[in-house]
Amino acid sequence: MINEYIRLEHISKSFGETEVLKDLNASLHKGEILGFLGPSGAGKTTTIRILTGQLKATQGDAYVLDTHVKNIDESIYEQIGIVTDQSGVYERLSVYDNLRYFARIHGVELKHVEELLTRVGLLEHKKKPAGKLSKGQAQRLVLARAVLHKPKVLFLDEPTSGLDPSTAQDIHELLLELKEEGMAVFLTTHNMEEATKLCDHVALLNKGEIVEYGSPEELCLRYNRDKQYRVLLTDGSRLVLRQSPEDVEQLSRLLQEDRVNSLHSCEPTLESVFLTVTGRTLQ
C-alpha cells in the first residue's frame, strides 16, 4: 500500500532566463498536511501546477500516488482534488446542482451531495444560485466540489485568502477532519498562523528555494536562540526573564513564594522564523 502520496526530487523550473524553482525536495504522506509557505512569487503555485501535470519541470522528478507527473492520466485525476484561485463555480446553477453535476462525472451517489453540503454549512443554501453566494460560501462550495469524490490527495492554493476569520476557521476544521480520515493535503499559503495550526510539516519558500523544512514546532524551537519567559505575577505585574543564572534564580524564588500566576515560554512564530531566515516579510 502506498503511503507516500507526493514526492519532489530536485525539482527546478525556469521560464526563459528566470529560474522560479530551484532544487525542491519534499514528500507528503497519507493523513498529513504539508504546507508550502512564502510570499507571492515564491513559487508555491508553480509547484502545484507541476504536481498536477499543468506544467513540466525543467529539471528533476515529481510523483503523485507513485506515478511520475509526466505520466499523469485520468486514473490519477480521479484520485486528486484541486482548489486554486481559478476554481470557479457555475454561477447560474444552484449550489446543489453544482455538486450534482460533478457527482455524475465522478460516479458519486447523489445522497452524498446533501451530506457534504451539511458538512460545509451550505445545506440551507442548496437552492440558491451559486452566483449569489458570498465569497466565503463560494469557497466552501469549491472545496466541497474538490472533495466530493473523496480524493486521496487534495491540493489547496491559498484556500482561505481574503476570507473572514469565522469562515476560515470552518475550513480549517474541515481540513483537519479530512486529514484524520486519511486524506493527504498539499497546502500553499502565506498565512503562517494558518500553517502552524494545520500543517504536520512545512517548507519555507524564498525566491523558489526551500530555505527551511520541518514541523512548525521544530522550526520554531530551532530558532529559539534567545530564550525568554513571560511571567504574570499574582499582584498583576509582568516580567520577561531570560535563560541566565540570575533570571533562573529569580524565577525559582518567585515559584517557591507562590507568586507566579502564569508562565509562558517565548518561542518565535513561523513568521518571525521566515523573517530571520530570509530577511523578508510575507507581504
Protein backbone atom coordinates (compact mmCIF):
# COMPACT_ATOMS: atom_id res chain seq x y z
CA MET A 1 0.00 0.00 0.00
CA ILE A 2 1.33 3.43 -0.97
CA ASN A 3 1.74 5.80 1.99
CA GLU A 4 3.94 8.40 0.27
CA TYR A 5 1.42 10.26 -1.86
CA ILE A 6 3.69 13.04 -3.18
CA ARG A 7 7.43 13.17 -3.74
CA LEU A 8 9.51 16.01 -5.17
CA GLU A 9 13.07 15.19 -6.21
CA HIS A 10 15.37 18.06 -7.22
CA ILE A 11 12.60 19.97 -8.99
CA SER A 12 13.64 23.14 -10.81
CA LYS A 13 11.62 25.31 -13.18
CA SER A 14 12.71 28.16 -15.43
CA PHE A 15 10.78 30.50 -17.66
CA GLY A 16 13.35 31.69 -20.14
CA GLU A 17 16.24 33.15 -18.16
CA THR A 18 14.22 33.33 -14.96
CA GLU A 19 14.54 30.39 -12.55
CA VAL A 20 11.39 30.26 -10.39
CA LEU A 21 12.01 26.92 -8.61
CA LYS A 22 15.42 25.69 -7.51
CA ASP A 23 16.13 22.09 -6.49
CA LEU A 24 12.99 21.38 -4.45
CA ASN A 25 12.85 18.19 -2.36
CA ALA A 26 9.82 17.27 -0.24
CA SER A 27 7.34 14.48 0.44
CA LEU A 28 3.75 14.14 1.63
CA HIS A 29 2.28 11.01 3.22
CA LYS A 30 -1.22 9.69 3.78
CA GLY A 31 -3.08 11.56 6.52
CA GLU A 32 -0.67 14.52 6.55
CA ILE A 33 -0.86 18.22 5.67
CA LEU A 34 2.24 19.66 4.03
CA GLY A 35 2.49 23.43 3.78
CA PHE A 36 4.48 25.30 1.14
CA LEU A 37 4.82 28.73 2.70
CA GLY A 38 6.04 32.01 1.35
CA PRO A 39 5.05 35.36 -0.12
CA SER A 40 3.55 35.89 -3.56
CA GLY A 41 6.08 34.99 -6.23
CA ALA A 42 7.89 32.43 -4.08
CA GLY A 43 6.97 29.55 -6.40
CA LYS A 44 4.09 27.95 -4.50
CA THR A 45 1.52 27.92 -7.31
CA THR A 46 4.14 26.82 -9.84
CA THR A 47 4.85 23.79 -7.65
CA ILE A 48 1.17 22.80 -7.63
CA ARG A 49 0.97 23.22 -11.40
CA ILE A 50 3.93 20.86 -11.83
CA LEU A 51 2.48 18.29 -9.44
CA THR A 52 -0.88 18.31 -11.22
CA GLY A 53 0.60 17.96 -14.69
CA GLN A 54 -0.18 21.50 -15.84
CA LEU A 55 3.50 22.46 -16.18
CA LYS A 56 6.63 20.49 -16.96
CA ALA A 57 9.59 20.84 -14.65
CA THR A 58 12.83 21.99 -16.24
CA GLN A 59 14.77 19.51 -14.12
CA GLY A 60 14.01 16.84 -11.54
CA ASP A 61 11.23 14.35 -10.92
CA ALA A 62 7.88 14.57 -9.18
CA TYR A 63 5.50 11.76 -8.26
CA VAL A 64 1.84 11.76 -7.27
CA LEU A 65 0.41 8.49 -5.94
CA ASP A 66 3.58 6.72 -7.11
CA THR A 67 3.07 7.97 -10.69
CA HIS A 68 5.55 10.30 -12.37
CA VAL A 69 3.81 13.58 -13.19
CA LYS A 70 4.69 13.23 -16.87
CA ASN A 71 2.51 10.10 -16.88
CA ILE A 72 -0.48 11.55 -15.02
CA ASP A 73 -3.70 10.41 -16.64
CA GLU A 74 -7.42 10.25 -15.89
CA SER A 75 -6.96 7.48 -13.32
CA ILE A 76 -4.77 9.80 -11.22
CA TYR A 77 -7.01 12.84 -11.68
CA GLU A 78 -9.87 10.76 -10.26
CA GLN A 79 -7.87 10.44 -7.02
CA ILE A 80 -6.95 14.10 -6.53
CA GLY A 81 -8.86 17.30 -5.80
CA ILE A 82 -7.70 20.82 -6.62
CA VAL A 83 -8.69 24.23 -5.24
CA THR A 84 -6.94 27.28 -6.74
CA ASP A 85 -7.85 30.93 -7.18
CA GLN A 86 -9.07 29.95 -10.65
CA SER A 87 -11.50 27.35 -9.30
CA GLY A 88 -14.87 28.85 -10.11
CA VAL A 89 -18.46 27.68 -9.84
CA TYR A 90 -21.29 27.54 -12.35
CA GLU A 91 -22.96 30.74 -11.23
CA ARG A 92 -26.35 30.11 -12.87
CA LEU A 93 -26.68 26.64 -11.36
CA SER A 94 -27.88 26.17 -7.81
CA VAL A 95 -25.48 25.14 -5.10
CA TYR A 96 -26.96 21.64 -5.18
CA ASP A 97 -26.79 21.36 -8.97
CA ASN A 98 -23.14 22.42 -8.97
CA LEU A 99 -22.31 19.38 -6.86
CA ARG A 100 -24.78 17.11 -8.61
CA TYR A 101 -23.08 17.83 -11.93
CA PHE A 102 -19.69 16.76 -10.60
CA ALA A 103 -21.18 13.83 -8.72
CA ARG A 104 -22.32 12.42 -12.03
CA ILE A 105 -18.90 12.98 -13.60
CA HIS A 106 -17.17 11.14 -10.75
CA GLY A 107 -19.83 8.46 -10.30
CA VAL A 108 -20.66 9.62 -6.78
CA GLU A 109 -24.08 8.67 -5.37
CA LEU A 110 -26.34 11.72 -5.12
CA LYS A 111 -27.13 11.01 -1.47
CA HIS A 112 -23.59 12.17 -0.67
CA VAL A 113 -24.27 15.63 -2.10
CA GLU A 114 -26.58 16.71 0.73
CA GLU A 115 -24.31 15.04 3.28
CA LEU A 116 -21.41 17.14 2.05
CA LEU A 117 -23.48 20.33 1.86
CA THR A 118 -24.38 19.78 5.50
CA ARG A 119 -20.74 19.26 6.37
CA VAL A 120 -19.64 22.55 4.76
CA GLY A 121 -22.60 24.50 6.12
CA LEU A 122 -24.35 25.12 2.80
CA LEU A 123 -27.41 22.87 3.02
CA GLU A 124 -29.77 25.78 3.72
CA HIS A 125 -28.44 27.47 0.56
CA LYS A 126 -28.73 24.44 -1.71
CA LYS A 127 -31.38 26.03 -3.95
CA LYS A 128 -29.58 29.38 -4.20
CA PRO A 129 -27.79 30.21 -7.49
CA ALA A 130 -24.08 29.84 -6.89
CA GLY A 131 -23.53 33.34 -8.26
CA LYS A 132 -25.49 34.74 -5.30
CA LEU A 133 -23.17 33.23 -2.67
CA SER A 134 -20.81 35.32 -0.56
CA LYS A 135 -17.08 34.86 -1.15
CA GLY A 136 -16.79 32.60 1.88
CA GLN A 137 -19.78 30.49 0.85
CA ALA A 138 -18.44 30.18 -2.70
CA GLN A 139 -15.09 29.00 -1.35
CA ARG A 140 -16.84 26.35 0.75
CA LEU A 141 -18.67 25.18 -2.40
CA VAL A 142 -15.42 24.97 -4.35
CA LEU A 143 -13.84 22.96 -1.52
CA ALA A 144 -16.89 20.69 -1.33
CA ARG A 145 -16.64 20.04 -5.05
CA ALA A 146 -12.93 19.20 -4.72
CA VAL A 147 -13.53 16.56 -2.02
CA LEU A 148 -16.87 15.22 -3.32
CA HIS A 149 -15.23 12.10 -4.78
CA LYS A 150 -13.11 11.55 -1.65
CA PRO A 151 -9.71 12.04 -3.29
CA LYS A 152 -6.55 10.68 -1.76
CA VAL A 153 -4.69 13.96 -2.35
CA LEU A 154 -6.09 17.48 -2.07
CA PHE A 155 -4.21 20.47 -3.50
CA LEU A 156 -5.12 23.81 -1.91
CA ASP A 157 -3.67 27.06 -3.20
CA GLU A 158 -4.30 29.85 -0.65
CA PRO A 159 -7.75 28.40 0.25
CA THR A 160 -8.64 30.99 2.91
CA SER A 161 -7.11 34.10 1.36
CA GLY A 162 -9.43 37.06 1.85
CA LEU A 163 -11.97 35.15 3.95
CA ASP A 164 -13.34 36.31 7.29
CA PRO A 165 -11.92 34.57 10.39
CA SER A 166 -15.11 32.58 11.07
CA THR A 167 -15.24 31.09 7.55
CA ALA A 168 -11.51 30.39 7.61
CA GLN A 169 -11.95 28.56 10.92
CA ASP A 170 -14.74 26.42 9.43
CA ILE A 171 -12.47 25.46 6.53
CA HIS A 172 -9.62 24.66 8.93
CA GLU A 173 -11.86 22.31 10.90
CA LEU A 174 -12.95 20.53 7.73
CA LEU A 175 -9.35 20.10 6.57
CA LEU A 176 -8.34 18.58 9.90
CA GLU A 177 -11.28 16.18 9.66
CA LEU A 178 -10.25 15.16 6.14
CA LYS A 179 -6.70 14.63 7.35
CA GLU A 180 -7.93 12.35 10.15
CA GLU A 181 -9.81 10.33 7.51
CA GLY A 182 -6.51 9.72 5.69
CA MET A 183 -6.53 12.41 3.02
CA ALA A 184 -3.18 13.99 2.18
CA VAL A 185 -3.32 17.77 1.79
CA PHE A 186 -0.78 19.89 -0.10
CA LEU A 187 -1.38 23.44 1.11
CA THR A 188 0.15 26.67 -0.13
CA THR A 189 -0.29 29.77 1.98
CA HIS A 190 1.43 32.96 3.10
CA ASN A 191 -0.52 32.78 6.38
CA MET A 192 1.96 31.41 8.90
CA GLU A 193 -0.60 31.24 11.69
CA GLU A 194 -2.77 29.02 9.48
CA ALA A 195 0.21 26.80 8.69
CA THR A 196 1.13 26.44 12.35
CA LYS A 197 -2.41 25.33 13.14
CA LEU A 198 -2.82 22.88 10.26
CA CYS A 199 0.48 21.51 8.97
CA ASP A 200 2.45 18.45 10.01
CA HIS A 201 5.43 19.70 8.01
CA VAL A 202 6.19 22.98 6.27
CA ALA A 203 8.61 24.10 3.59
CA LEU A 204 9.58 27.77 3.78
CA LEU A 205 9.98 29.04 0.21
CA ASN A 206 12.00 32.10 -0.69
CA LYS A 207 12.64 33.03 -4.32
CA GLY A 208 11.96 29.47 -5.47
CA GLU A 209 14.16 27.73 -2.89
CA ILE A 210 13.22 25.75 0.21
CA VAL A 211 15.20 27.57 2.87
CA GLU A 212 13.85 25.56 5.84
CA TYR A 213 11.88 22.33 6.20
CA GLY A 214 10.35 20.59 9.21
CA SER A 215 7.36 20.62 11.52
CA PRO A 216 6.20 24.07 12.67
CA GLU A 217 7.23 23.22 16.23
CA GLU A 218 10.68 22.02 15.14
CA LEU A 219 11.36 25.20 13.19
CA CYS A 220 10.21 27.49 15.98
CA LEU A 221 12.35 25.65 18.53
CA ARG A 222 15.32 25.58 16.15
CA TYR A 223 15.31 29.37 16.01
CA ASN A 224 14.56 29.92 19.70
CA ARG A 225 18.06 31.24 20.28
CA ASP A 226 17.26 33.98 22.79
CA LYS A 227 15.20 32.01 25.28
CA GLN A 228 12.77 34.14 27.22
CA TYR A 229 9.83 33.55 29.56
CA ARG A 230 6.82 35.78 30.19
CA VAL A 231 5.76 35.72 33.81
CA LEU A 232 2.49 37.08 35.21
CA LEU A 233 2.69 37.55 38.96
CA THR A 234 -0.17 37.25 41.42
CA ASP A 235 -0.05 41.03 42.05
CA GLY A 236 -0.71 41.66 38.33
CA SER A 237 2.82 42.73 37.41
CA ARG A 238 4.59 41.18 34.43
CA LEU A 239 8.19 40.15 33.91
CA VAL A 240 10.24 38.90 30.96
CA LEU A 241 13.04 36.64 32.18
CA ARG A 242 15.93 35.21 30.18
CA GLN A 243 17.79 31.91 30.31
CA SER A 244 20.50 33.34 32.57
CA PRO A 245 21.62 32.17 36.02
CA GLU A 246 20.31 35.36 37.64
CA ASP A 247 16.87 35.18 36.00
CA VAL A 248 16.55 31.43 36.62
CA GLU A 249 17.30 32.04 40.29
CA GLN A 250 14.70 34.84 40.41
CA LEU A 251 12.07 32.62 38.76
CA SER A 252 12.83 29.79 41.17
CA ARG A 253 12.37 32.15 44.11
CA LEU A 254 9.07 33.51 42.74
CA LEU A 255 7.76 29.97 42.28
CA GLN A 256 8.77 28.96 45.79
CA GLU A 257 7.00 32.03 47.16
CA ASP A 258 3.86 31.08 45.15
CA ARG A 259 3.86 34.47 43.44
CA VAL A 260 3.56 33.18 39.85
CA ASN A 261 0.11 33.28 38.28
CA SER A 262 1.17 32.12 34.79
CA LEU A 263 4.39 31.28 32.95
CA HIS A 264 4.89 31.12 29.17
CA SER A 265 7.95 30.48 27.06
CA CYS A 266 8.51 32.89 24.16
CA GLU A 267 9.35 30.74 21.13
CA PRO A 268 9.42 32.62 17.81
CA THR A 269 6.48 32.30 15.44
CA LEU A 270 6.81 30.79 11.97
CA GLU A 271 6.55 34.29 10.57
CA SER A 272 9.49 35.51 12.65
CA VAL A 273 11.45 32.39 11.65
CA PHE A 274 10.79 33.21 7.99
CA LEU A 275 11.98 36.78 8.54
CA THR A 276 15.12 35.51 10.30
CA VAL A 277 15.94 33.05 7.51
CA THR A 278 15.17 35.26 4.53
CA GLY A 279 15.30 38.83 5.76
CA ARG A 280 11.92 39.29 4.03
CA THR A 281 8.40 39.82 5.25
CA LEU A 282 5.49 37.81 3.87
CA GLN A 283 3.84 40.74 2.11
